[in-house]
Amino acid sequence: MVRNREGKWAVAVIEPRRDPGQDSVLALPKGNVDSGEKPDQTALREVREETGLEATLIAKLTDIKYFYVRSWGDRQRVFKIVSFYLLRYSSGRIGNIADDMRHEVERALWIPLDEAPRRLSYRGERDVAKLAVEYLKNHPEVDS
């Protein structure tokens, strides 16, 4: 989710809750698609739950595909596809996160969008931030 303030784009990011001793992480909000939900609806819901903000959909940016090994239980290898959408802020106060989400999210904050490609912790998400910068540069109508 992006927001333009005084001609500068900012992006809403989260710091997921981590176990004591683990390094902090800056990430984009994301989550699982609920039954009966479409991926773009999931994006809007997850942003609301993890940041406290309401948004409107601008465009789908990309899908990221990767494998990871579960760190719990059977340590199974899992294939995952994450769809990323460019959303625009419409209302709310960042960090106004419901108590039941506090087990997942330590905090939510705005960072300058042009800093996101180097500040986000995961390479795929840094690439998504670059796509958002490019999209906004090539679509000035988004700002109106």
C-alpha atoms as a PDB file:
ATOM      1  CA  MET A   1       0.000   0.000   0.000  1.00  0.00           C
ATOM      2  CA  VAL A   2       1.304   3.394  -0.980  1.00  0.00           C
ATOM      3  CA  ARG A   3       0.430   6.931   0.052  1.00  0.00           C
ATOM      4  CA  ASN A   4       1.533  10.209  -1.490  1.00  0.00           C
ATOM      5  CA  ARG A   5       2.331  12.942   0.996  1.00  0.00           C
ATOM      6  CA  GLU A   6       3.592  16.256  -0.299  1.00  0.00           C
ATOM      7  CA  GLY A   7       4.794  14.699  -3.554  1.00  0.00           C
ATOM      8  CA  LYS A   8       6.641  11.765  -1.940  1.00  0.00           C
ATOM      9  CA  TRP A   9       5.396   8.183  -2.040  1.00  0.00           C
ATOM     10  CA  ALA A  10       5.544   6.085   1.121  1.00  0.00           C
ATOM     11  CA  VAL A  11       4.807   2.383   1.510  1.00  0.00           C
ATOM     12  CA  ALA A  12       3.208   0.635   4.488  1.00  0.00           C
ATOM     13  CA  VAL A  13       5.418  -2.144   5.842  1.00  0.00           C
ATOM     14  CA  ILE A  14       5.270  -4.424   8.852  1.00  0.00           C
ATOM     15  CA  GLU A  15       7.706  -5.804  11.334  1.00  0.00           C
ATOM     16  CA  PRO A  16       6.472  -9.357  11.938  1.00  0.00           C
ATOM     17  CA  ARG A  17       6.686 -10.630  15.496  1.00  0.00           C
ATOM     18  CA  ARG A  18       9.801 -12.758  15.917  1.00  0.00           C
ATOM     19  CA  ASP A  19      11.098 -15.080  18.604  1.00  0.00           C
ATOM     20  CA  PRO A  20      13.415 -13.495  21.179  1.00  0.00           C
ATOM     21  CA  GLY A  21      16.944 -13.262  19.826  1.00  0.00           C
ATOM     22  CA  GLN A  22      15.888 -13.259  16.170  1.00  0.00           C
ATOM     23  CA  ASP A  23      16.732 -10.235  14.045  1.00  0.00           C
ATOM     24  CA  SER A  24      13.859  -7.925  13.189  1.00  0.00           C
ATOM     25  CA  VAL A  25      12.472  -8.021   9.662  1.00  0.00           C
ATOM     26  CA  LEU A  26      10.748  -5.402   7.496  1.00  0.00           C
ATOM     27  CA  ALA A  27       8.207  -6.985   5.163  1.00  0.00           C
ATOM     28  CA  LEU A  28       5.160  -6.284   3.065  1.00  0.00           C
ATOM     29  CA  PRO A  29       1.798  -7.368   4.498  1.00  0.00           C
ATOM     30  CA  LYS A  30       0.600 -10.700   3.108  1.00  0.00           C
ATOM     31  CA  GLY A  31      -1.287 -13.813   4.077  1.00  0.00           C
ATOM     32  CA  ASN A  32      -3.352 -16.805   3.065  1.00  0.00           C
ATOM     33  CA  VAL A  33      -6.399 -16.629   0.821  1.00  0.00           C
ATOM     34  CA  ASP A  34      -9.505 -17.463   2.851  1.00  0.00           C
ATOM     35  CA  SER A  35     -12.203 -19.766   1.497  1.00  0.00           C
ATOM     36  CA  GLY A  36     -14.358 -17.961  -1.073  1.00  0.00           C
ATOM     37  CA  GLU A  37     -11.936 -15.054  -1.290  1.00  0.00           C
ATOM     38  CA  LYS A  38     -10.149 -13.810  -4.414  1.00  0.00           C
ATOM     39  CA  PRO A  39      -6.437 -12.917  -4.174  1.00  0.00           C
ATOM     40  CA  ASP A  40      -7.066  -9.164  -4.561  1.00  0.00           C
ATOM     41  CA  GLN A  41      -9.629  -9.335  -1.721  1.00  0.00           C
ATOM     42  CA  THR A  42      -7.029 -11.143   0.374  1.00  0.00           C
ATOM     43  CA  ALA A  43      -4.530  -8.342  -0.267  1.00  0.00           C
ATOM     44  CA  LEU A  44      -7.007  -5.703   0.927  1.00  0.00           C
ATOM     45  CA  ARG A  45      -7.960  -7.756   4.012  1.00  0.00           C
ATOM     46  CA  GLU A  46      -4.385  -8.602   4.987  1.00  0.00           C
ATOM     47  CA  VAL A  47      -3.274  -4.978   4.665  1.00  0.00           C
ATOM     48  CA  ARG A  48      -6.196  -3.905   6.868  1.00  0.00           C
ATOM     49  CA  GLU A  49      -5.471  -6.606   9.473  1.00  0.00           C
ATOM     50  CA  GLU A  50      -1.694  -6.126   9.567  1.00  0.00           C
ATOM     51  CA  THR A  51      -1.461  -2.317   9.277  1.00  0.00           C
ATOM     52  CA  GLY A  52      -4.834  -0.964  10.413  1.00  0.00           C
ATOM     53  CA  LEU A  53      -5.315   0.814   7.074  1.00  0.00           C
ATOM     54  CA  GLU A  54      -7.999   0.691   4.391  1.00  0.00           C
ATOM     55  CA  ALA A  55      -6.944   0.734   0.750  1.00  0.00           C
ATOM     56  CA  THR A  56      -8.167   0.680  -2.816  1.00  0.00           C
ATOM     57  CA  LEU A  57      -6.786  -1.585  -5.515  1.00  0.00           C
ATOM     58  CA  ILE A  58      -4.634  -0.005  -8.227  1.00  0.00           C
ATOM     59  CA  ALA A  59      -3.096  -2.984 -10.062  1.00  0.00           C
ATOM     60  CA  LYS A  60      -1.589  -6.429  -9.702  1.00  0.00           C
ATOM     61  CA  LEU A  61       2.203  -6.122  -9.733  1.00  0.00           C
ATOM     62  CA  THR A  62       3.486  -9.704  -9.836  1.00  0.00           C
ATOM     63  CA  ASP A  63       3.486 -13.222  -8.438  1.00  0.00           C
ATOM     64  CA  ILE A  64       6.469 -14.535  -6.515  1.00  0.00           C
ATOM     65  CA  LYS A  65       6.996 -18.303  -6.478  1.00  0.00           C
ATOM     66  CA  TYR A  66       9.311 -20.047  -4.044  1.00  0.00           C
ATOM     67  CA  PHE A  67       9.928 -23.100  -1.868  1.00  0.00           C
ATOM     68  CA  TYR A  68      10.537 -23.139   1.859  1.00  0.00           C
ATOM     69  CA  VAL A  69      10.986 -25.868   4.444  1.00  0.00           C
ATOM     70  CA  ARG A  70       8.561 -25.797   7.352  1.00  0.00           C
ATOM     71  CA  SER A  71      10.379 -25.029  10.568  1.00  0.00           C
ATOM     72  CA  TRP A  72       7.759 -26.943  12.557  1.00  0.00           C
ATOM     73  CA  GLY A  73       6.306 -30.455  12.555  1.00  0.00           C
ATOM     74  CA  ASP A  74       7.293 -32.567   9.570  1.00  0.00           C
ATOM     75  CA  ARG A  75       9.789 -30.048   8.105  1.00  0.00           C
ATOM     76  CA  GLN A  76       8.099 -30.611   4.733  1.00  0.00           C
ATOM     77  CA  ARG A  77       9.154 -28.649   1.668  1.00  0.00           C
ATOM     78  CA  VAL A  78       6.328 -26.272   0.639  1.00  0.00           C
ATOM     79  CA  PHE A  79       5.796 -24.540  -2.712  1.00  0.00           C
ATOM     80  CA  LYS A  80       4.207 -21.125  -2.373  1.00  0.00           C
ATOM     81  CA  ILE A  81       2.885 -18.457  -4.749  1.00  0.00           C
ATOM     82  CA  VAL A  82       2.367 -14.955  -3.367  1.00  0.00           C
ATOM     83  CA  SER A  83       0.462 -12.413  -5.465  1.00  0.00           C
ATOM     84  CA  PHE A  84       1.372  -8.776  -4.844  1.00  0.00           C
ATOM     85  CA  TYR A  85      -0.973  -5.888  -5.581  1.00  0.00           C
ATOM     86  CA  LEU A  86      -0.345  -2.176  -5.629  1.00  0.00           C
ATOM     87  CA  LEU A  87      -2.846  -0.589  -3.270  1.00  0.00           C
ATOM     88  CA  ARG A  88      -3.489   3.042  -2.459  1.00  0.00           C
ATOM     89  CA  TYR A  89      -4.182   4.305   1.050  1.00  0.00           C
ATOM     90  CA  SER A  90      -7.751   5.445   1.596  1.00  0.00           C
ATOM     91  CA  SER A  91      -8.195   5.722   5.394  1.00  0.00           C
ATOM     92  CA  GLY A  92      -7.058   4.665   8.830  1.00  0.00           C
ATOM     93  CA  ARG A  93      -4.102   5.152  11.138  1.00  0.00           C
ATOM     94  CA  ILE A  94      -1.018   3.009  10.640  1.00  0.00           C
ATOM     95  CA  GLY A  95      -0.368   0.658  13.518  1.00  0.00           C
ATOM     96  CA  ASN A  96      -4.022   0.545  14.590  1.00  0.00           C
ATOM     97  CA  ILE A  97      -3.807  -3.247  14.640  1.00  0.00           C
ATOM     98  CA  ALA A  98      -6.430  -5.451  16.299  1.00  0.00           C
ATOM     99  CA  ASP A  99      -5.279  -7.249  19.447  1.00  0.00           C
ATOM    100  CA  ASP A 100      -5.807 -10.655  17.808  1.00  0.00           C
ATOM    101  CA  MET A 101      -3.193  -9.741  15.151  1.00  0.00           C
ATOM    102  CA  ARG A 102      -0.513  -8.729  17.657  1.00  0.00           C
ATOM    103  CA  HIS A 103       0.800 -12.300  17.744  1.00  0.00           C
ATOM    104  CA  GLU A 104       1.754 -11.864  14.054  1.00  0.00           C
ATOM    105  CA  VAL A 105       2.725  -8.191  13.766  1.00  0.00           C
ATOM    106  CA  GLU A 106       5.043  -6.301  16.098  1.00  0.00           C
ATOM    107  CA  ARG A 107       4.380  -2.962  14.396  1.00  0.00           C
ATOM    108  CA  ALA A 108       3.407  -1.296  11.138  1.00  0.00           C
ATOM    109  CA  LEU A 109       5.037   1.827   9.748  1.00  0.00           C
ATOM    110  CA  TRP A 110       5.417   4.030   6.690  1.00  0.00           C
ATOM    111  CA  ILE A 111       8.780   4.157   4.948  1.00  0.00           C
ATOM    112  CA  PRO A 112       9.709   6.143   1.834  1.00  0.00           C
ATOM    113  CA  LEU A 113       8.915   3.987  -1.201  1.00  0.00           C
ATOM    114  CA  ASP A 114      12.231   4.853  -2.830  1.00  0.00           C
ATOM    115  CA  GLU A 115      14.025   3.336   0.212  1.00  0.00           C
ATOM    116  CA  ALA A 116      11.986   0.107   0.219  1.00  0.00           C
ATOM    117  CA  PRO A 117      14.120  -1.692  -2.426  1.00  0.00           C
ATOM    118  CA  ARG A 118      17.020  -1.643   0.012  1.00  0.00           C
ATOM    119  CA  ARG A 119      15.228  -1.677   3.403  1.00  0.00           C
ATOM    120  CA  LEU A 120      12.854  -4.601   2.949  1.00  0.00           C
ATOM    121  CA  SER A 121      14.336  -7.836   4.292  1.00  0.00           C
ATOM    122  CA  TYR A 122      13.367 -10.255   1.521  1.00  0.00           C
ATOM    123  CA  ARG A 123      14.769 -10.051  -2.016  1.00  0.00           C
ATOM    124  CA  GLY A 124      11.443 -10.854  -3.688  1.00  0.00           C
ATOM    125  CA  GLU A 125       9.735  -8.065  -1.778  1.00  0.00           C
ATOM    126  CA  ARG A 126      12.528  -5.637  -2.638  1.00  0.00           C
ATOM    127  CA  ASP A 127      11.827  -6.505  -6.289  1.00  0.00           C
ATOM    128  CA  VAL A 128       8.103  -5.842  -5.714  1.00  0.00           C
ATOM    129  CA  ALA A 129       8.972  -2.405  -4.305  1.00  0.00           C
ATOM    130  CA  LYS A 130      10.983  -1.670  -7.459  1.00  0.00           C
ATOM    131  CA  LEU A 131       7.952  -2.647  -9.547  1.00  0.00           C
ATOM    132  CA  ALA A 132       5.784  -0.276  -7.506  1.00  0.00           C
ATOM    133  CA  VAL A 133       8.247   2.592  -8.042  1.00  0.00           C
ATOM    134  CA  GLU A 134       8.256   1.895 -11.800  1.00  0.00           C
ATOM    135  CA  TYR A 135       4.481   1.587 -11.987  1.00  0.00           C
ATOM    136  CA  LEU A 136       3.943   4.912 -10.250  1.00  0.00           C
ATOM    137  CA  LYS A 137       6.556   6.594 -12.441  1.00  0.00           C
ATOM    138  CA  ASN A 138       4.809   5.294 -15.582  1.00  0.00           C
ATOM    139  CA  HIS A 139       1.262   5.996 -14.333  1.00  0.00           C
ATOM    140  CA  PRO A 140       1.169   9.595 -13.054  1.00  0.00           C
ATOM    141  CA  GLU A 141      -2.647   9.455 -13.096  1.00  0.00           C
ATOM    142  CA  VAL A 142      -2.497   7.368  -9.900  1.00  0.00           C
ATOM    143  CA  ASP A 143      -1.487  10.528  -8.055  1.00  0.00           C
ATOM    144  CA  SER A 144      -4.551  12.500  -9.103  1.00  0.00           C
END
